[in-house]
C-alpha atoms as a PDB file:
ATOM      1  CA  UNK A   1     108.102 340.460 -47.390  1.00  0.00           C
ATOM      2  CA  UNK A   2     107.182 337.152 -48.964  1.00  0.00           C
ATOM      3  CA  UNK A   3     106.078 338.447 -52.351  1.00  0.00           C
ATOM      4  CA  UNK A   4     107.143 341.083 -54.880  1.00  0.00           C
ATOM      5  CA  UNK A   5     106.178 342.313 -58.317  1.00  0.00           C
ATOM      6  CA  UNK A   6     108.514 341.952 -61.286  1.00  0.00           C
ATOM      7  CA  UNK A   7     108.801 344.942 -63.627  1.00  0.00           C
ATOM      8  CA  UNK A   8     110.007 343.075 -66.727  1.00  0.00           C
ATOM      9  CA  UNK A   9     107.038 340.652 -66.679  1.00  0.00           C
ATOM     10  CA  UNK A  10     104.130 342.451 -64.985  1.00  0.00           C
ATOM     11  CA  UNK A  11     101.723 339.829 -66.328  1.00  0.00           C
ATOM     12  CA  UNK A  12     103.210 337.367 -63.808  1.00  0.00           C
ATOM     13  CA  UNK A  13     101.654 339.376 -60.976  1.00  0.00           C
ATOM     14  CA  UNK A  14     103.095 338.699 -57.538  1.00  0.00           C
ATOM     15  CA  UNK A  15     106.099 336.404 -57.263  1.00  0.00           C
ATOM     16  CA  UNK A  16     106.506 334.306 -54.111  1.00  0.00           C
ATOM     17  CA  UNK A  17     110.079 334.330 -52.803  1.00  0.00           C
ATOM     18  CA  UNK A  18     109.966 330.627 -51.970  1.00  0.00           C
ATOM     19  CA  UNK A  19     109.069 329.841 -55.604  1.00  0.00           C
ATOM     20  CA  UNK A  20     112.319 331.433 -56.823  1.00  0.00           C
ATOM     21  CA  UNK A  21     114.319 328.583 -55.307  1.00  0.00           C
ATOM     22  CA  UNK A  22     112.746 326.095 -57.743  1.00  0.00           C
ATOM     23  CA  UNK A  23     113.029 328.243 -60.879  1.00  0.00           C
ATOM     24  CA  UNK A  24     115.881 328.243 -63.368  1.00  0.00           C
ATOM     25  CA  UNK A  25     118.849 329.897 -61.652  1.00  0.00           C
ATOM     26  CA  UNK A  26     119.960 331.753 -64.811  1.00  0.00           C
ATOM     27  CA  UNK A  27     116.486 333.281 -65.243  1.00  0.00           C
ATOM     28  CA  UNK A  28     116.305 334.320 -61.589  1.00  0.00           C
ATOM     29  CA  UNK A  29     119.757 335.920 -61.819  1.00  0.00           C
ATOM     30  CA  UNK A  30     118.747 337.764 -65.003  1.00  0.00           C
ATOM     31  CA  UNK A  31     115.689 339.378 -63.351  1.00  0.00           C
ATOM     32  CA  UNK A  32     117.166 339.897 -59.887  1.00  0.00           C
ATOM     33  CA  UNK A  33     117.304 343.683 -60.257  1.00  0.00           C
ATOM     34  CA  UNK A  34     113.723 343.967 -61.527  1.00  0.00           C
ATOM     35  CA  UNK A  35     111.732 343.256 -58.364  1.00  0.00           C
ATOM     36  CA  UNK A  36     109.663 345.979 -56.705  1.00  0.00           C
ATOM     37  CA  UNK A  37     107.489 346.227 -53.610  1.00  0.00           C
ATOM     38  CA  UNK A  38     104.388 344.018 -53.533  1.00  0.00           C
ATOM     39  CA  UNK A  39     102.118 347.002 -52.775  1.00  0.00           C
ATOM     40  CA  UNK A  40     100.214 348.353 -55.795  1.00  0.00           C
ATOM     41  CA  UNK A  41     101.469 351.816 -56.695  1.00  0.00           C
ATOM     42  CA  UNK A  42     104.733 351.475 -54.758  1.00  0.00           C
ATOM     43  CA  UNK A  43     107.722 350.899 -57.012  1.00  0.00           C
ATOM     44  CA  UNK A  44     110.385 350.729 -54.298  1.00  0.00           C
ATOM     45  CA  UNK A  45     113.089 348.316 -55.359  1.00  0.00           C
ATOM     46  CA  UNK A  46     113.400 345.063 -53.393  1.00  0.00           C
ATOM     47  CA  UNK A  47     116.057 342.368 -53.342  1.00  0.00           C
ATOM     48  CA  UNK A  48     115.365 338.645 -53.489  1.00  0.00           C
ATOM     49  CA  UNK A  49     117.097 336.788 -50.667  1.00  0.00           C
ATOM     50  CA  UNK A  50     117.114 333.136 -51.626  1.00  0.00           C
ATOM     51  CA  UNK A  51     119.256 330.369 -50.302  1.00  0.00           C
ATOM     52  CA  UNK A  52     119.423 327.264 -52.408  1.00  0.00           C
ATOM     53  CA  UNK A  53     119.635 323.775 -50.965  1.00  0.00           C
ATOM     54  CA  UNK A  54     121.720 322.337 -49.392  1.00  0.00           C
ATOM     55  CA  UNK A  55     123.073 325.600 -47.921  1.00  0.00           C
ATOM     56  CA  UNK A  56     119.682 327.239 -47.405  1.00  0.00           C
ATOM     57  CA  UNK A  57     120.129 329.075 -44.123  1.00  0.00           C
ATOM     58  CA  UNK A  58     117.227 331.512 -44.321  1.00  0.00           C
ATOM     59  CA  UNK A  59     113.655 331.358 -45.479  1.00  0.00           C
ATOM     60  CA  UNK A  60     113.469 332.928 -48.957  1.00  0.00           C
ATOM     61  CA  UNK A  61     112.113 336.474 -48.788  1.00  0.00           C
ATOM     62  CA  UNK A  62     112.391 339.939 -50.296  1.00  0.00           C
ATOM     63  CA  UNK A  63     113.954 342.871 -48.457  1.00  0.00           C
ATOM     64  CA  UNK A  64     113.944 346.536 -49.367  1.00  0.00           C
ATOM     65  CA  UNK A  65     116.931 347.691 -51.378  1.00  0.00           C
ATOM     66  CA  UNK A  66     119.113 350.069 -49.313  1.00  0.00           C
ATOM     67  CA  UNK A  67     118.176 352.952 -51.646  1.00  0.00           C
ATOM     68  CA  UNK A  68     114.456 352.077 -51.773  1.00  0.00           C
ATOM     69  CA  UNK A  69     111.891 354.783 -51.097  1.00  0.00           C
ATOM     70  CA  UNK A  70     108.390 353.458 -50.479  1.00  0.00           C
ATOM     71  CA  UNK A  71     105.279 355.519 -51.218  1.00  0.00           C
ATOM     72  CA  UNK A  72     103.921 357.196 -48.039  1.00  0.00           C
ATOM     73  CA  UNK A  73     100.758 355.046 -48.080  1.00  0.00           C
ATOM     74  CA  UNK A  74     102.744 351.793 -48.468  1.00  0.00           C
ATOM     75  CA  UNK A  75     102.688 349.621 -45.326  1.00  0.00           C
ATOM     76  CA  UNK A  76     106.466 349.191 -45.661  1.00  0.00           C
ATOM     77  CA  UNK A  77     107.176 352.942 -45.730  1.00  0.00           C
ATOM     78  CA  UNK A  78     107.710 353.236 -41.985  1.00  0.00           C
ATOM     79  CA  UNK A  79     109.458 349.935 -41.384  1.00  0.00           C
ATOM     80  CA  UNK A  80     112.784 350.639 -39.752  1.00  0.00           C
ATOM     81  CA  UNK A  81     115.171 347.757 -39.435  1.00  0.00           C
ATOM     82  CA  UNK A  82     117.641 348.310 -36.644  1.00  0.00           C
ATOM     83  CA  UNK A  83     120.864 346.468 -36.061  1.00  0.00           C
ATOM     84  CA  UNK A  84     121.132 344.378 -32.934  1.00  0.00           C
ATOM     85  CA  UNK A  85     123.287 345.589 -30.067  1.00  0.00           C
ATOM     86  CA  UNK A  86     125.944 342.971 -30.715  1.00  0.00           C
ATOM     87  CA  UNK A  87     126.248 343.758 -34.434  1.00  0.00           C
ATOM     88  CA  UNK A  88     124.309 340.663 -35.483  1.00  0.00           C
ATOM     89  CA  UNK A  89     121.552 340.387 -38.037  1.00  0.00           C
ATOM     90  CA  UNK A  90     118.903 343.109 -37.808  1.00  0.00           C
ATOM     91  CA  UNK A  91     115.305 341.977 -37.358  1.00  0.00           C
ATOM     92  CA  UNK A  92     112.324 343.290 -39.298  1.00  0.00           C
ATOM     93  CA  UNK A  93     109.673 344.340 -36.744  1.00  0.00           C
ATOM     94  CA  UNK A  94     106.816 343.392 -39.097  1.00  0.00           C
ATOM     95  CA  UNK A  95     107.899 339.856 -39.803  1.00  0.00           C
ATOM     96  CA  UNK A  96     110.284 339.038 -36.973  1.00  0.00           C
ATOM     97  CA  UNK A  97     112.697 337.761 -39.607  1.00  0.00           C
ATOM     98  CA  UNK A  98     116.330 338.600 -39.850  1.00  0.00           C
ATOM     99  CA  UNK A  99     117.529 340.273 -43.032  1.00  0.00           C
END
């Protein structure tokens, strides 16, 4: 997913993953564990995946935390990310992105 909500500053609304690259690194690291699913009413924890230049290998995005449980009506509730046959990066069927 490209956006997430932040629990420690709900007034910020949705945070774009690509915007995290340009923000103060210390601030981003301090709030890294406070991101939740972008869907209203779903508080499943998500993880910011951001590469910083010059080693940016992936497009910044949020992925579900391994222990995340989405609300049944959340569009991400049924997303299953499967590993590839050769043990490579799994691909999210909704976005086509690798995790």
